[in-house]
Amino acid sequence: MPLMGSLYIGTSGLQTSQNALNTTAHNLTNVDTPGYVRQQTLLDTRTYITLSRNPAAVSNKQYGLGVNYAAVRQVRDYFLDKTYRKESGRSMFYEVSYEVLDEVESLLGELNGEDFQTSLTNLWTSVQELAKDPSSSVTQGLLVQRASEFLDRATAVYKDLASYQDSLNLKVAEQVTRINKIGKQILEVNDSIRKVEAGGIERANDLRDTRNYLLDELSKLVKMSYSEDAGGNISVQIEGTDFIKGSRCFEIGLDTDPTTGFYTPFWPQNAEYTIMSDGTKKYDIEHAKVFNLNRTISSRADTDIGGLKAALLARGDHRANYSDIENDYDGVSQSIVMNIQAEFDQLIHNVTTKMNEVLASASNPDTGYMCDKDGSPLQLFKKISSDGYEKQADGSWKYMEEDYSQTSTMYTLGNVQVNGNLLQEPAMLNFKLSDKEVDYGTANALKSAFMEESYTLNPNVQKKTNFIAYYSDLVEQVGNTGYVFQSIFENQEATVEATCSAREQVIGVSSDEELSNMIKFQNAYNAASRYINVISEMLEHIINTLAV
């Protein structure tokens, strides 16, 4: 082998060792960088020069041209990546659900330092005191006062639940904005990777780390799938619909409900629209919604993935009331906030209508007993937007039935108030019959109404309960459901941590391993340097000898 050619072998060793040291140093520098994947140096032999071929010999006479720095590859496990992203999305779903239940439990448990249960208990106590002495103006006034406090605190709790719905609604908008931003960033990284790798020589490993980190974040927000083509471009699907494909990012739109202001994510490319007079588009999103929220939540069906879906489900699509339980409970049962709103409003509806019913049963228009100033049956609780009774042509009073399609006709929070006449004059309750006898029967009927066990939280609950136990059961239901979601979340978090740990063993940078590689490549560099020095000395000796 020519001595001059041997210098190229030493040179290749120096260059390869230097590049390998640079890769090792790059790994050590980014040991704490989020999303960084360790890079591995691949070495290969350069082409061999064949001097002669002898079929009878064990091998041909040939010599090599040194070592080649073949590539720097990322060390990843596709299966672990896919598992981690799926399980982290599921973990986020239950984390959001648990946080919502925890917040709802706080809203039900505390109200300006005093829980709602206190106001309900106080109302019950006032009814008990009234039953002892119905004719007392003190017990009558106490009943009206406690009824007002009960309704005020119930309204405040419901408003807090509605306010929390609005907070979840803002969270939905923020998450959709973030998803769209991630999509644009992935598209930009796709372009950068394609430019770097167009020559087929260099791998854009750091850019791929950035893209994979974005995919990790996206997987927590929504259920997604992805694939990479031969050109290095990543295509992403969200809930089975294209989000990133080719050179386009199909951004998620937000449709705003004109009544509630709630946002609904939808795909503009799949929605029909009409152009308004001002040039804006009005979308029909019925068949273009990102999520089908009517599907049962199940891990088996993979319908429990993504924080955005969890927030949408928890928020619901409207302000719920007791009519949702009687008409379409399935429509609110999967929404944490709407379910509580409906069950809580049902309690208020049952209390108000039952107490009114007891008073109405004792009303006597002929004598004016238990009648309001207009002659109608006396109501402790009245509707704000409509009348409870309508006077007929014959002078009788007709009870106006509630119409679930019109909130104004319903005894529901937001449309119910304590009778203003009673607030001004509690003695209108009277509780003295025409013969001046004290009406213990009606007072005891109010007491019995509170103790009557004929109410259930929802159609799926078989246990009958009374007014006092109803609220306790409601809070207990929230607590139990929260405990279930917490357990699922903790188990899911453990699964994610185990998967993440397994993935880190593959993609994570080990300082000990990299320091070992550094020593190895330093020794290789020193060996190549000494090899060149030896060849250089041999050449110098030959040249000097020949010159003499």
Protein backbone atom coordinates (compact mmCIF):
# COMPACT_ATOMS: atom_id res chain seq x y z
CA MET A 1 0.00 0.00 0.00
CA PRO A 2 1.45 3.44 -0.94
CA LEU A 3 2.56 5.50 2.04
CA MET A 4 0.98 8.65 0.61
CA GLY A 5 -2.34 6.80 0.37
CA SER A 6 -1.98 5.71 3.98
CA LEU A 7 -2.25 9.37 4.99
CA TYR A 8 -5.85 9.39 3.73
CA ILE A 9 -6.68 6.50 6.06
CA GLY A 10 -5.37 8.46 9.04
CA THR A 11 -7.18 11.56 7.85
CA SER A 12 -10.49 9.67 7.63
CA GLY A 13 -9.95 8.46 11.19
CA LEU A 14 -9.32 12.01 12.41
CA GLN A 15 -12.40 13.41 10.62
CA THR A 16 -14.70 10.60 11.69
CA SER A 17 -13.57 10.71 15.31
CA GLN A 18 -13.97 14.50 15.37
CA ASN A 19 -17.51 14.30 13.97
CA ALA A 20 -18.38 11.53 16.44
CA LEU A 21 -17.03 13.68 19.29
CA ASN A 22 -19.20 16.59 18.06
CA THR A 23 -22.28 14.34 18.14
CA THR A 24 -21.42 13.17 21.65
CA ALA A 25 -20.91 16.75 22.80
CA HIS A 26 -24.27 17.67 21.22
CA ASN A 27 -25.97 14.91 23.21
CA LEU A 28 -24.38 16.03 26.47
CA THR A 29 -25.29 19.67 25.84
CA ASN A 30 -28.98 18.78 25.36
CA VAL A 31 -29.26 16.26 28.19
CA ASP A 32 -31.95 18.44 29.87
CA THR A 33 -33.57 19.84 26.72
CA PRO A 34 -37.31 18.89 26.60
CA GLY A 35 -38.10 16.68 23.63
CA TYR A 36 -34.48 16.05 22.68
CA VAL A 37 -33.73 12.54 21.40
CA ARG A 38 -30.22 11.16 21.70
CA GLN A 39 -28.29 10.86 18.47
CA GLN A 40 -26.20 7.87 17.59
CA THR A 41 -23.14 7.88 15.32
CA LEU A 42 -23.00 5.18 12.63
CA LEU A 43 -19.55 4.34 11.21
CA ASP A 44 -18.85 2.43 8.01
CA THR A 45 -15.81 1.30 6.01
CA ARG A 46 -14.80 3.13 2.89
CA THR A 47 -14.29 1.40 -0.45
CA TYR A 48 -11.58 -1.31 -0.61
CA ILE A 49 -8.92 -1.28 -3.32
CA THR A 50 -8.39 -4.76 -4.81
CA LEU A 51 -4.78 -5.53 -5.83
CA SER A 52 -5.30 -9.07 -7.16
CA ARG A 53 -7.82 -11.88 -7.17
CA ASN A 54 -6.85 -15.50 -6.47
CA PRO A 55 -9.72 -18.03 -6.41
CA ALA A 56 -7.52 -20.45 -4.52
CA ALA A 57 -6.75 -17.96 -1.75
CA VAL A 58 -8.87 -17.38 1.30
CA SER A 59 -9.37 -13.75 0.26
CA ASN A 60 -8.33 -11.30 -2.38
CA LYS A 61 -5.39 -8.97 -1.92
CA GLN A 62 -6.92 -5.59 -1.08
CA TYR A 63 -6.54 -2.66 1.24
CA GLY A 64 -9.06 -0.23 2.66
CA LEU A 65 -9.30 3.54 2.37
CA GLY A 66 -10.28 4.15 5.98
CA VAL A 67 -13.44 4.73 8.01
CA ASN A 68 -16.52 6.63 6.91
CA TYR A 69 -18.88 8.78 9.03
CA ALA A 70 -22.02 7.11 7.62
CA ALA A 71 -24.88 8.88 9.45
CA VAL A 72 -26.21 10.32 12.68
CA ARG A 73 -29.54 8.74 13.51
CA GLN A 74 -32.18 9.32 16.14
CA VAL A 75 -32.87 6.43 18.48
CA ARG A 76 -36.67 6.12 18.68
CA ASP A 77 -39.25 3.38 19.19
CA TYR A 78 -42.37 3.95 17.06
CA PHE A 79 -44.48 1.65 19.21
CA LEU A 80 -43.54 3.45 22.44
CA ASP A 81 -44.15 6.83 20.83
CA LYS A 82 -47.61 5.79 19.70
CA THR A 83 -48.46 4.23 23.07
CA TYR A 84 -47.21 7.24 25.01
CA ARG A 85 -49.22 9.70 22.95
CA LYS A 86 -52.40 7.69 23.19
CA GLU A 87 -52.13 7.14 26.93
CA SER A 88 -51.14 10.74 27.67
CA GLY A 89 -54.22 11.90 25.76
CA ARG A 90 -56.38 9.56 27.84
CA SER A 91 -54.68 10.75 31.03
CA MET A 92 -55.43 14.36 30.13
CA PHE A 93 -59.10 13.50 29.52
CA TYR A 94 -59.52 12.13 33.05
CA GLU A 95 -57.36 14.85 34.59
CA VAL A 96 -59.64 17.55 33.17
CA SER A 97 -62.75 15.60 34.23
CA TYR A 98 -61.42 15.19 37.76
CA GLU A 99 -60.50 18.88 38.02
CA VAL A 100 -64.00 19.87 36.88
CA LEU A 101 -65.63 17.62 39.48
CA ASP A 102 -63.32 18.98 42.16
CA GLU A 103 -64.32 22.53 41.24
CA VAL A 104 -68.03 21.65 41.14
CA GLU A 105 -67.74 20.03 44.57
CA SER A 106 -66.22 23.26 45.88
CA LEU A 107 -69.04 25.30 44.38
CA LEU A 108 -71.64 23.08 46.01
CA GLY A 109 -69.83 22.86 49.32
CA GLU A 110 -69.00 26.51 49.93
CA LEU A 111 -70.73 29.78 49.20
CA ASN A 112 -69.10 32.88 50.66
CA GLY A 113 -67.93 30.77 53.57
CA GLU A 114 -71.37 29.22 54.16
CA ASP A 115 -72.51 26.09 52.41
CA PHE A 116 -75.85 25.76 50.64
CA GLN A 117 -76.81 22.89 52.91
CA THR A 118 -77.13 25.43 55.72
CA SER A 119 -79.77 27.44 53.88
CA LEU A 120 -81.75 24.28 53.11
CA THR A 121 -81.50 23.13 56.72
CA ASN A 122 -82.58 26.57 57.93
CA LEU A 123 -85.65 26.43 55.69
CA TRP A 124 -86.50 22.99 57.09
CA THR A 125 -86.03 24.28 60.63
CA SER A 126 -88.37 27.21 59.95
CA VAL A 127 -91.02 24.76 58.69
CA GLN A 128 -90.64 22.72 61.89
CA GLU A 129 -91.01 25.84 64.03
CA LEU A 130 -94.04 26.87 62.01
CA ALA A 131 -95.67 23.48 62.65
CA LYS A 132 -95.31 24.09 66.41
CA ASP A 133 -97.08 27.48 66.30
CA PRO A 134 -98.53 28.28 62.84
CA SER A 135 -100.40 31.37 64.03
CA SER A 136 -97.27 33.11 65.30
CA SER A 137 -96.16 36.07 63.22
CA VAL A 138 -92.61 35.26 64.26
CA THR A 139 -92.66 31.73 62.77
CA GLN A 140 -94.47 33.02 59.68
CA GLY A 141 -91.90 35.73 59.14
CA LEU A 142 -89.07 33.28 59.77
CA LEU A 143 -90.44 30.95 57.08
CA VAL A 144 -90.57 33.73 54.48
CA GLN A 145 -87.11 34.96 55.46
CA ARG A 146 -85.58 31.47 55.25
CA ALA A 147 -87.33 30.87 51.93
CA SER A 148 -85.75 34.05 50.58
CA GLU A 149 -82.29 33.05 51.85
CA PHE A 150 -82.74 29.57 50.41
CA LEU A 151 -83.60 30.94 46.99
CA ASP A 152 -80.85 33.57 47.03
CA ARG A 153 -78.16 31.01 47.82
CA ALA A 154 -79.55 28.52 45.34
CA THR A 155 -79.44 31.21 42.65
CA ALA A 156 -75.86 32.06 43.60
CA VAL A 157 -74.79 28.39 43.37
CA TYR A 158 -76.42 28.05 39.96
CA LYS A 159 -74.76 31.27 38.78
CA ASP A 160 -71.40 29.93 39.96
CA LEU A 161 -71.99 26.74 37.96
CA ALA A 162 -72.93 28.84 34.92
CA SER A 163 -69.83 31.00 35.43
CA TYR A 164 -67.68 27.88 35.56
CA GLN A 165 -69.28 26.77 32.30
CA ASP A 166 -68.10 30.07 30.81
CA SER A 167 -64.59 29.41 32.14
CA LEU A 168 -64.59 26.00 30.48
CA ASN A 169 -65.84 27.67 27.32
CA LEU A 170 -62.84 30.00 27.32
CA LYS A 171 -60.60 26.99 27.91
CA VAL A 172 -62.10 25.36 24.82
CA ALA A 173 -61.28 28.44 22.74
CA GLU A 174 -57.73 28.58 24.12
CA GLN A 175 -57.10 24.92 23.39
CA VAL A 176 -58.45 25.19 19.84
CA THR A 177 -56.20 28.21 19.28
CA ARG A 178 -53.22 26.22 20.58
CA ILE A 179 -54.08 23.23 18.38
CA ASN A 180 -54.18 25.43 15.30
CA LYS A 181 -50.88 27.03 16.28
CA ILE A 182 -49.29 23.59 16.72
CA GLY A 183 -50.58 22.61 13.27
CA LYS A 184 -48.94 25.65 11.68
CA GLN A 185 -45.69 24.97 13.52
CA ILE A 186 -45.64 21.34 12.39
CA LEU A 187 -46.23 22.49 8.81
CA GLU A 188 -43.29 24.92 9.07
CA VAL A 189 -41.05 22.20 10.52
CA ASN A 190 -42.12 19.86 7.70
CA ASP A 191 -40.89 22.43 5.19
CA SER A 192 -37.59 22.89 7.03
CA ILE A 193 -36.98 19.14 7.29
CA ARG A 194 -37.74 18.67 3.62
CA LYS A 195 -35.21 21.37 2.65
CA VAL A 196 -32.46 19.93 4.86
CA GLU A 197 -32.96 16.33 3.78
CA ALA A 198 -33.57 17.03 0.09
CA GLY A 199 -30.01 16.04 -0.78
CA GLY A 200 -30.39 12.67 0.90
CA ILE A 201 -27.16 13.12 2.89
CA GLU A 202 -28.02 15.03 6.04
CA ARG A 203 -30.71 14.19 8.59
CA ALA A 204 -32.55 17.09 10.28
CA ASN A 205 -32.56 15.40 13.67
CA ASP A 206 -33.03 18.51 15.79
CA LEU A 207 -35.96 19.62 13.63
CA ARG A 208 -37.46 16.16 13.96
CA ASP A 209 -37.13 16.48 17.74
CA THR A 210 -39.07 19.74 17.58
CA ARG A 211 -41.79 18.13 15.48
CA ASN A 212 -42.10 15.10 17.75
CA TYR A 213 -42.33 17.38 20.78
CA LEU A 214 -45.22 19.21 19.10
CA LEU A 215 -46.91 15.88 18.38
CA ASP A 216 -46.54 14.94 22.06
CA GLU A 217 -48.30 18.16 23.06
CA LEU A 218 -51.01 17.75 20.43
CA SER A 219 -51.73 14.19 21.58
CA LYS A 220 -52.69 15.49 25.03
CA LEU A 221 -55.31 17.82 23.59
CA VAL A 222 -57.03 15.59 21.03
CA LYS A 223 -57.22 12.05 19.74
CA MET A 224 -54.87 12.02 16.76
CA SER A 225 -53.08 9.73 14.35
CA TYR A 226 -50.13 10.52 12.12
CA SER A 227 -47.92 9.10 9.38
CA GLU A 228 -44.71 10.12 7.64
CA ASP A 229 -44.20 9.95 3.87
CA ALA A 230 -40.97 9.27 1.96
CA GLY A 231 -40.22 12.99 1.79
CA GLY A 232 -40.19 13.38 5.54
CA ASN A 233 -43.56 15.14 5.76
CA ILE A 234 -45.87 14.28 8.65
CA SER A 235 -49.62 14.01 8.00
CA VAL A 236 -51.90 14.35 11.03
CA GLN A 237 -55.53 13.35 11.50
CA ILE A 238 -57.70 14.55 14.40
CA GLU A 239 -60.69 12.35 15.24
CA GLY A 240 -60.22 10.69 11.84
CA THR A 241 -60.28 13.95 9.83
CA ASP A 242 -57.26 15.46 8.06
CA PHE A 243 -55.64 18.23 10.07
CA ILE A 244 -52.27 18.41 8.30
CA LYS A 245 -51.92 16.98 4.83
CA GLY A 246 -49.31 17.84 2.26
CA SER A 247 -48.64 21.56 2.34
CA ARG A 248 -51.91 22.47 4.09
CA CYS A 249 -53.08 22.79 7.67
CA PHE A 250 -56.87 22.56 7.95
CA GLU A 251 -57.48 24.76 10.97
CA ILE A 252 -60.32 24.04 13.38
CA GLY A 253 -63.03 26.69 13.42
CA LEU A 254 -65.20 27.81 16.35
CA ASP A 255 -68.92 28.24 15.93
CA THR A 256 -70.50 30.48 18.57
CA ASP A 257 -73.96 29.75 19.93
CA PRO A 258 -75.92 33.03 19.80
CA THR A 259 -77.81 32.22 23.04
CA THR A 260 -75.14 30.85 25.35
CA GLY A 261 -71.96 32.04 23.64
CA PHE A 262 -70.62 28.48 23.80
CA TYR A 263 -68.01 27.49 21.22
CA THR A 264 -68.29 24.36 19.11
CA PRO A 265 -65.16 23.20 17.23
CA PHE A 266 -65.87 22.33 13.60
CA TRP A 267 -64.12 21.72 10.29
CA PRO A 268 -64.75 24.70 7.96
CA GLN A 269 -63.78 22.62 4.93
CA ASN A 270 -66.56 20.13 5.69
CA ALA A 271 -69.28 22.65 6.57
CA GLU A 272 -71.82 24.17 4.25
CA TYR A 273 -72.09 27.92 4.37
CA THR A 274 -73.93 30.92 3.00
CA ILE A 275 -72.35 34.31 2.34
CA MET A 276 -74.08 37.08 4.26
CA SER A 277 -74.69 40.61 3.01
CA ASP A 278 -71.62 41.88 4.88
CA GLY A 279 -69.43 39.29 3.15
CA THR A 280 -69.03 36.99 6.17
CA LYS A 281 -69.76 33.28 6.03
CA LYS A 282 -72.52 31.67 8.06
CA TYR A 283 -71.68 27.99 8.57
CA ASP A 284 -73.99 25.04 8.99
CA ILE A 285 -71.86 22.83 11.22
CA GLU A 286 -74.33 19.99 11.77
CA HIS A 287 -72.21 17.49 9.83
CA ALA A 288 -68.84 19.18 10.34
CA LYS A 289 -68.31 18.99 14.11
CA VAL A 290 -64.88 17.83 15.24
CA PHE A 291 -66.29 15.67 18.06
CA ASN A 292 -69.28 13.37 18.24
CA LEU A 293 -70.24 13.94 21.87
CA ASN A 294 -73.18 11.56 21.68
CA ARG A 295 -70.91 8.52 21.73
CA THR A 296 -70.58 6.74 25.06
CA ILE A 297 -67.29 7.44 26.82
CA SER A 298 -65.29 4.24 26.78
CA SER A 299 -61.63 3.26 26.82
CA ARG A 300 -62.43 0.27 24.68
CA ALA A 301 -63.84 2.53 21.95
CA ASP A 302 -61.07 5.13 22.49
CA THR A 303 -63.66 7.85 23.08
CA ASP A 304 -61.93 9.06 26.25
CA ILE A 305 -58.89 10.76 24.75
CA GLY A 306 -57.93 14.43 24.78
CA GLY A 307 -58.29 17.36 27.14
CA LEU A 308 -60.34 19.37 24.63
CA LYS A 309 -63.03 16.72 24.41
CA ALA A 310 -63.13 16.44 28.20
CA ALA A 311 -63.63 20.20 28.53
CA LEU A 312 -66.40 20.17 25.91
CA LEU A 313 -68.18 17.28 27.60
CA ALA A 314 -67.88 18.81 31.05
CA ARG A 315 -69.14 22.18 29.85
CA GLY A 316 -72.09 20.82 27.85
CA ASP A 317 -73.97 22.77 25.21
CA HIS A 318 -76.50 24.81 27.25
CA ARG A 319 -77.57 25.90 30.70
CA ALA A 320 -79.37 22.85 32.04
CA ASN A 321 -82.46 22.83 34.25
CA TYR A 322 -84.81 20.24 35.73
CA SER A 323 -86.67 19.78 32.43
CA ASP A 324 -83.55 18.14 30.95
CA ILE A 325 -83.90 15.30 33.46
CA GLU A 326 -87.53 14.70 32.59
CA ASN A 327 -87.26 15.20 28.84
CA ASP A 328 -83.79 14.09 27.72
CA TYR A 329 -81.54 12.98 30.55
CA ASP A 330 -79.21 11.19 28.14
CA GLY A 331 -78.46 14.60 26.63
CA VAL A 332 -77.01 15.94 29.88
CA SER A 333 -75.86 12.79 31.69
CA GLN A 334 -72.34 12.81 30.19
CA SER A 335 -71.78 16.50 30.95
CA ILE A 336 -70.54 17.01 34.49
CA VAL A 337 -71.70 20.62 34.84
CA MET A 338 -75.03 20.22 33.03
CA ASN A 339 -75.86 17.09 35.02
CA ILE A 340 -75.29 18.92 38.31
CA GLN A 341 -77.17 21.99 37.08
CA ALA A 342 -80.18 19.85 36.16
CA GLU A 343 -80.19 17.87 39.41
CA PHE A 344 -79.67 20.97 41.54
CA ASP A 345 -82.41 22.87 39.70
CA GLN A 346 -84.69 19.86 40.14
CA LEU A 347 -84.28 20.18 43.91
CA ILE A 348 -85.27 23.85 43.81
CA HIS A 349 -88.21 23.09 41.52
CA ASN A 350 -89.45 20.30 43.78
CA VAL A 351 -89.18 22.40 46.93
CA THR A 352 -90.89 25.47 45.45
CA THR A 353 -93.72 23.64 43.69
CA LYS A 354 -94.39 21.28 46.60
CA MET A 355 -94.62 24.09 49.15
CA ASN A 356 -96.85 26.06 46.78
CA GLU A 357 -98.99 22.97 46.27
CA VAL A 358 -99.54 22.57 50.02
CA LEU A 359 -100.59 26.21 50.38
CA ALA A 360 -102.82 26.00 47.30
CA SER A 361 -104.60 22.94 48.68
CA ALA A 362 -105.61 24.97 51.73
CA SER A 363 -106.68 28.03 49.70
CA ASN A 364 -110.33 29.09 49.87
CA PRO A 365 -111.25 31.94 47.47
CA ASP A 366 -114.68 32.30 49.08
CA THR A 367 -113.23 33.23 52.46
CA GLY A 368 -109.96 34.62 51.16
CA TYR A 369 -107.99 32.15 53.25
CA MET A 370 -104.51 31.47 51.89
CA CYS A 371 -105.19 33.81 48.98
CA ASP A 372 -103.00 36.51 47.50
CA LYS A 373 -104.10 40.12 47.23
CA ASP A 374 -105.59 39.49 43.77
CA GLY A 375 -107.61 36.56 45.09
CA SER A 376 -105.45 33.85 43.54
CA PRO A 377 -104.17 30.93 45.64
CA LEU A 378 -101.28 32.13 47.77
CA GLN A 379 -97.84 31.14 46.48
CA LEU A 380 -94.71 31.27 48.58
CA PHE A 381 -92.64 31.11 45.38
CA LYS A 382 -93.74 32.84 42.19
CA LYS A 383 -92.54 32.80 38.61
CA ILE A 384 -90.85 35.96 37.41
CA SER A 385 -91.85 35.95 33.74
CA SER A 386 -95.37 34.54 33.94
CA ASP A 387 -98.26 33.96 36.30
CA GLY A 388 -98.81 30.83 38.31
CA TYR A 389 -102.59 31.10 38.07
CA GLU A 390 -105.02 32.57 35.54
CA LYS A 391 -108.47 33.82 36.45
CA GLN A 392 -111.27 32.16 34.51
CA ALA A 393 -114.54 33.69 33.31
CA ASP A 394 -116.45 32.05 36.14
CA GLY A 395 -114.17 33.65 38.71
CA SER A 396 -112.18 30.51 39.48
CA TRP A 397 -108.42 30.31 39.22
CA LYS A 398 -106.66 27.90 36.84
CA TYR A 399 -103.14 26.66 37.55
CA MET A 400 -100.89 27.42 34.57
CA GLU A 401 -99.06 24.23 33.64
CA GLU A 402 -95.36 24.45 32.96
CA ASP A 403 -94.24 24.25 29.34
CA TYR A 404 -90.72 22.80 29.06
CA SER A 405 -90.19 24.56 25.74
CA GLN A 406 -90.66 27.95 27.42
CA THR A 407 -88.50 28.71 30.43
CA SER A 408 -90.75 31.63 31.32
CA THR A 409 -93.51 29.18 32.34
CA MET A 410 -91.28 27.05 34.59
CA TYR A 411 -90.43 27.14 38.28
CA THR A 412 -86.71 27.10 37.60
CA LEU A 413 -83.73 29.04 38.93
CA GLY A 414 -83.59 32.35 37.15
CA ASN A 415 -87.39 32.43 36.82
CA VAL A 416 -88.53 31.95 40.42
CA GLN A 417 -88.68 34.39 43.32
CA VAL A 418 -90.24 34.66 46.73
CA ASN A 419 -93.69 36.26 46.63
CA GLY A 420 -93.11 39.98 47.02
CA ASN A 421 -96.37 40.46 48.93
CA LEU A 422 -95.27 37.89 51.51
CA LEU A 423 -91.89 39.57 51.88
CA GLN A 424 -93.69 42.78 52.77
CA GLU A 425 -96.43 41.14 54.80
CA PRO A 426 -95.59 37.61 56.08
CA ALA A 427 -98.81 37.63 58.11
CA MET A 428 -100.71 36.95 54.87
CA LEU A 429 -99.94 33.30 55.62
CA ASN A 430 -102.26 33.68 58.63
CA PHE A 431 -102.80 29.94 59.28
CA LYS A 432 -106.15 30.72 60.95
CA LEU A 433 -109.30 29.26 59.46
CA SER A 434 -112.63 31.11 59.15
CA ASP A 435 -113.66 29.77 62.55
CA LYS A 436 -110.47 31.26 64.05
CA GLU A 437 -109.02 27.80 64.58
CA VAL A 438 -105.27 27.48 63.99
CA ASP A 439 -104.57 25.56 60.76
CA TYR A 440 -102.18 22.96 62.10
CA GLY A 441 -103.08 20.65 59.21
CA THR A 442 -101.54 22.85 56.52
CA ALA A 443 -98.46 23.54 58.65
CA ASN A 444 -97.97 19.83 59.26
CA ALA A 445 -98.51 19.19 55.55
CA LEU A 446 -95.55 21.49 54.84
CA LYS A 447 -93.53 19.53 57.36
CA SER A 448 -94.57 16.23 55.77
CA ALA A 449 -93.64 17.58 52.33
CA PHE A 450 -90.04 17.91 53.48
CA MET A 451 -89.98 14.40 54.91
CA GLU A 452 -91.71 12.70 51.98
CA GLU A 453 -89.28 10.30 50.29
CA SER A 454 -90.49 10.44 46.71
CA TYR A 455 -87.65 12.12 44.83
CA THR A 456 -84.68 10.76 42.88
CA LEU A 457 -81.59 12.52 41.55
CA ASN A 458 -82.16 11.26 38.01
CA PRO A 459 -83.89 8.42 36.14
CA ASN A 460 -80.88 6.14 36.60
CA VAL A 461 -81.06 6.34 40.41
CA GLN A 462 -83.54 4.06 42.16
CA LYS A 463 -83.13 5.44 45.69
CA LYS A 464 -86.02 7.61 46.83
CA THR A 465 -85.13 10.52 49.07
CA ASN A 466 -86.57 13.63 50.74
CA PHE A 467 -85.56 17.26 50.28
CA ILE A 468 -82.92 17.29 53.01
CA ALA A 469 -81.24 14.04 51.95
CA TYR A 470 -81.54 14.95 48.26
CA TYR A 471 -78.86 17.61 48.44
CA SER A 472 -76.61 15.40 50.54
CA ASP A 473 -77.00 12.68 47.93
CA LEU A 474 -76.18 15.19 45.20
CA VAL A 475 -72.95 16.26 46.91
CA GLU A 476 -72.11 12.64 47.67
CA GLN A 477 -72.67 11.74 44.02
CA VAL A 478 -70.25 14.46 42.95
CA GLY A 479 -67.71 13.29 45.51
CA ASN A 480 -68.01 9.63 44.51
CA THR A 481 -67.77 10.44 40.81
CA GLY A 482 -64.78 12.65 41.52
CA TYR A 483 -63.14 9.81 43.44
CA VAL A 484 -63.73 7.47 40.49
CA PHE A 485 -62.22 9.95 38.03
CA GLN A 486 -59.32 10.59 40.39
CA SER A 487 -58.62 6.85 40.63
CA ILE A 488 -58.78 6.46 36.85
CA PHE A 489 -56.55 9.50 36.39
CA GLU A 490 -53.98 8.26 38.90
CA ASN A 491 -53.92 4.81 37.31
CA GLN A 492 -53.66 6.38 33.89
CA GLU A 493 -50.91 8.69 35.09
CA ALA A 494 -49.00 5.65 36.34
CA THR A 495 -49.39 4.05 32.91
CA VAL A 496 -48.12 7.21 31.23
CA GLU A 497 -45.14 7.42 33.58
CA ALA A 498 -44.27 3.77 32.95
CA THR A 499 -44.52 4.28 29.19
CA CYS A 500 -42.55 7.52 29.42
CA SER A 501 -39.86 5.76 31.46
CA ALA A 502 -39.60 2.98 28.88
CA ARG A 503 -39.42 5.56 26.12
CA GLU A 504 -36.78 7.59 27.94
CA GLN A 505 -34.60 4.49 28.18
CA VAL A 506 -34.61 4.48 24.38
CA ILE A 507 -34.56 8.18 23.48
CA GLY A 508 -33.05 9.71 26.62
CA VAL A 509 -29.45 10.84 26.88
CA SER A 510 -27.34 8.91 29.38
CA SER A 511 -24.44 11.01 30.64
CA ASP A 512 -22.44 7.93 31.60
CA GLU A 513 -22.90 6.36 28.17
CA GLU A 514 -22.01 9.59 26.38
CA LEU A 515 -18.89 10.09 28.51
CA SER A 516 -17.90 6.52 27.66
CA ASN A 517 -18.39 7.29 23.96
CA MET A 518 -16.37 10.46 24.35
CA ILE A 519 -13.42 8.50 25.78
CA LYS A 520 -13.74 5.94 22.99
CA PHE A 521 -13.75 8.56 20.20
CA GLN A 522 -10.97 10.55 21.85
CA ASN A 523 -8.82 7.42 21.89
CA ALA A 524 -9.75 6.79 18.27
CA TYR A 525 -8.79 10.35 17.41
CA ASN A 526 -5.44 9.97 19.21
CA ALA A 527 -4.80 6.66 17.46
CA ALA A 528 -5.48 8.20 14.05
CA SER A 529 -3.19 11.10 14.94
CA ARG A 530 -0.36 8.77 15.95
CA TYR A 531 -0.92 6.73 12.80
CA ILE A 532 -0.45 9.87 10.70
CA ASN A 533 2.67 10.78 12.68
CA VAL A 534 4.19 7.34 12.01
CA ILE A 535 3.44 7.56 8.28
CA SER A 536 4.84 11.09 8.23
CA GLU A 537 8.08 9.98 9.92
CA MET A 538 8.43 7.03 7.52
CA LEU A 539 8.01 9.34 4.51
CA GLU A 540 10.49 11.80 5.96
CA HIS A 541 13.02 9.03 6.58
CA ILE A 542 12.66 7.64 3.06
CA ILE A 543 12.91 11.08 1.44
CA ASN A 544 15.95 12.05 3.49
CA THR A 545 17.63 8.69 2.80
CA LEU A 546 17.04 8.87 -0.94
CA ALA A 547 18.21 12.45 -1.04
CA VAL A 548 21.55 11.38 0.44
